[in-house]
Amino acid sequence: MQTEAFDLNDIHNEPTDEQLQALMEDVAEEARRKRELAAIRQLEILRSEIEAVQRKWFPQ
């Protein structure tokens, strides 16, 4: 659903309930996306650290 843009800093014109709902949905989607990216990055770091320990303690 496309809603009209609004300025949250405008004290004279309040956003509609639909605009606020759209904003909340956008913010929630961005938070989910960032959470997913952070989880992927954390797993990459963990794998890298595990591989470093394995190379140190279990050389081939």
N, C-alpha and C. Protein backbone atom coordinates (compact mmCIF):
# COMPACT_ATOMS: atom_id res chain seq x y z
N MET A 1 0.84 -1.18 0.00
CA MET A 1 0.00 0.00 0.00
C MET A 1 0.88 1.24 0.00
N GLN A 2 0.68 2.14 -0.92
CA GLN A 2 1.45 3.36 -1.03
C GLN A 2 0.72 4.48 -0.30
N THR A 3 1.40 5.13 0.63
CA THR A 3 0.79 6.24 1.36
C THR A 3 1.53 7.52 1.03
N GLU A 4 0.84 8.63 1.26
CA GLU A 4 1.42 9.94 1.01
C GLU A 4 2.56 10.19 2.00
N ALA A 5 3.65 10.78 1.52
CA ALA A 5 4.79 11.08 2.38
C ALA A 5 4.40 12.13 3.42
N PHE A 6 5.07 12.10 4.55
CA PHE A 6 4.80 13.08 5.60
C PHE A 6 6.08 13.38 6.34
N ASP A 7 6.07 14.47 7.07
CA ASP A 7 7.23 14.91 7.83
C ASP A 7 6.92 14.72 9.32
N LEU A 8 7.66 13.85 9.97
CA LEU A 8 7.43 13.60 11.39
C LEU A 8 7.75 14.82 12.26
N ASN A 9 8.52 15.75 11.72
CA ASN A 9 8.88 16.95 12.48
C ASN A 9 7.86 18.08 12.31
N ASP A 10 6.87 17.89 11.46
CA ASP A 10 5.85 18.91 11.21
C ASP A 10 4.85 18.90 12.36
N ILE A 11 4.87 19.97 13.16
CA ILE A 11 3.98 20.01 14.32
C ILE A 11 2.58 20.52 13.98
N HIS A 12 2.37 20.93 12.74
CA HIS A 12 1.08 21.47 12.34
C HIS A 12 0.20 20.44 11.64
N ASN A 13 0.81 19.45 11.03
CA ASN A 13 0.06 18.42 10.31
C ASN A 13 0.47 17.04 10.81
N GLU A 14 -0.42 16.41 11.54
CA GLU A 14 -0.12 15.08 12.06
C GLU A 14 -0.32 14.03 10.98
N PRO A 15 0.51 12.99 11.01
CA PRO A 15 0.32 11.91 10.03
C PRO A 15 -0.96 11.14 10.35
N THR A 16 -1.52 10.53 9.31
CA THR A 16 -2.73 9.73 9.50
C THR A 16 -2.36 8.40 10.15
N ASP A 17 -3.36 7.71 10.63
CA ASP A 17 -3.12 6.38 11.20
C ASP A 17 -2.51 5.45 10.16
N GLU A 18 -2.95 5.57 8.92
CA GLU A 18 -2.42 4.72 7.85
C GLU A 18 -0.95 5.03 7.59
N GLN A 19 -0.59 6.31 7.65
CA GLN A 19 0.80 6.69 7.44
C GLN A 19 1.68 6.17 8.58
N LEU A 20 1.18 6.28 9.79
CA LEU A 20 1.94 5.77 10.93
C LEU A 20 2.07 4.25 10.87
N GLN A 21 1.00 3.57 10.47
CA GLN A 21 1.05 2.11 10.33
C GLN A 21 2.08 1.72 9.27
N ALA A 22 2.09 2.42 8.14
CA ALA A 22 3.05 2.14 7.08
C ALA A 22 4.48 2.37 7.57
N LEU A 23 4.68 3.45 8.33
CA LEU A 23 5.99 3.74 8.89
C LEU A 23 6.43 2.62 9.83
N MET A 24 5.54 2.19 10.71
CA MET A 24 5.88 1.12 11.64
C MET A 24 6.22 -0.18 10.91
N GLU A 25 5.49 -0.48 9.85
CA GLU A 25 5.78 -1.68 9.07
C GLU A 25 7.14 -1.57 8.38
N ASP A 26 7.44 -0.39 7.84
CA ASP A 26 8.74 -0.18 7.20
C ASP A 26 9.88 -0.33 8.21
N VAL A 27 9.71 0.25 9.39
CA VAL A 27 10.74 0.16 10.42
C VAL A 27 10.91 -1.28 10.87
N ALA A 28 9.82 -2.00 11.05
CA ALA A 28 9.90 -3.40 11.46
C ALA A 28 10.60 -4.24 10.39
N GLU A 29 10.31 -4.00 9.13
CA GLU A 29 10.95 -4.74 8.04
C GLU A 29 12.45 -4.45 8.01
N GLU A 30 12.82 -3.21 8.19
CA GLU A 30 14.25 -2.86 8.21
C GLU A 30 14.95 -3.52 9.40
N ALA A 31 14.29 -3.55 10.54
CA ALA A 31 14.87 -4.19 11.72
C ALA A 31 15.05 -5.69 11.48
N ARG A 32 14.07 -6.33 10.84
CA ARG A 32 14.21 -7.76 10.52
C ARG A 32 15.38 -8.00 9.56
N ARG A 33 15.50 -7.13 8.56
CA ARG A 33 16.58 -7.27 7.59
C ARG A 33 17.94 -7.09 8.26
N LYS A 34 18.06 -6.09 9.11
CA LYS A 34 19.32 -5.85 9.81
C LYS A 34 19.65 -6.98 10.78
N ARG A 35 18.62 -7.53 11.44
CA ARG A 35 18.83 -8.65 12.34
C ARG A 35 19.37 -9.85 11.57
N GLU A 36 18.79 -10.11 10.40
CA GLU A 36 19.23 -11.23 9.57
C GLU A 36 20.67 -11.05 9.11
N LEU A 37 21.01 -9.85 8.67
CA LEU A 37 22.38 -9.58 8.24
C LEU A 37 23.37 -9.71 9.40
N ALA A 38 22.97 -9.26 10.58
CA ALA A 38 23.84 -9.38 11.75
C ALA A 38 24.04 -10.84 12.13
N ALA A 39 23.00 -11.64 12.03
CA ALA A 39 23.10 -13.07 12.36
C ALA A 39 24.04 -13.76 11.36
N ILE A 40 23.89 -13.44 10.09
CA ILE A 40 24.76 -14.03 9.08
C ILE A 40 26.21 -13.64 9.34
N ARG A 41 26.44 -12.38 9.62
CA ARG A 41 27.81 -11.91 9.89
C ARG A 41 28.38 -12.58 11.13
N GLN A 42 27.57 -12.73 12.16
CA GLN A 42 28.05 -13.37 13.39
C GLN A 42 28.43 -14.83 13.14
N LEU A 43 27.64 -15.53 12.34
CA LEU A 43 27.98 -16.91 11.99
C LEU A 43 29.26 -16.98 11.18
N GLU A 44 29.48 -16.02 10.29
CA GLU A 44 30.72 -15.99 9.52
C GLU A 44 31.92 -15.82 10.45
N ILE A 45 31.79 -14.93 11.42
CA ILE A 45 32.87 -14.71 12.38
C ILE A 45 33.11 -15.98 13.20
N LEU A 46 32.05 -16.60 13.66
CA LEU A 46 32.17 -17.82 14.46
C LEU A 46 32.85 -18.94 13.67
N ARG A 47 32.43 -19.11 12.41
CA ARG A 47 33.06 -20.14 11.56
C ARG A 47 34.54 -19.86 11.38
N SER A 48 34.88 -18.61 11.17
CA SER A 48 36.27 -18.22 10.98
C SER A 48 37.09 -18.53 12.24
N GLU A 49 36.54 -18.23 13.39
CA GLU A 49 37.24 -18.51 14.65
C GLU A 49 37.38 -20.00 14.88
N ILE A 50 36.37 -20.77 14.56
CA ILE A 50 36.43 -22.23 14.71
C ILE A 50 37.51 -22.79 13.79
N GLU A 51 37.55 -22.32 12.55
CA GLU A 51 38.57 -22.79 11.61
C GLU A 51 39.97 -22.45 12.10
N ALA A 52 40.15 -21.28 12.68
CA ALA A 52 41.47 -20.88 13.20
C ALA A 52 41.90 -21.80 14.34
N VAL A 53 40.98 -22.12 15.22
CA VAL A 53 41.30 -23.03 16.33
C VAL A 53 41.61 -24.43 15.80
N GLN A 54 40.82 -24.89 14.84
CA GLN A 54 41.07 -26.21 14.27
C GLN A 54 42.43 -26.27 13.59
N ARG A 55 42.81 -25.23 12.87
CA ARG A 55 44.12 -25.20 12.22
C ARG A 55 45.24 -25.23 13.26
N LYS A 56 45.03 -24.54 14.37
CA LYS A 56 46.05 -24.49 15.41
C LYS A 56 46.20 -25.83 16.13
N TRP A 57 45.08 -26.42 16.51
CA TRP A 57 45.12 -27.61 17.35
C TRP A 57 45.04 -28.92 16.58
N PHE A 58 44.59 -28.88 15.36
CA PHE A 58 44.46 -30.09 14.56
C PHE A 58 45.04 -29.86 13.17
N PRO A 59 46.33 -29.63 13.07
CA PRO A 59 46.91 -29.36 11.75
C PRO A 59 46.78 -30.60 10.86
N GLN A 60 46.66 -30.35 9.61
CA GLN A 60 46.51 -31.46 8.63
C GLN A 60 47.84 -31.92 8.16
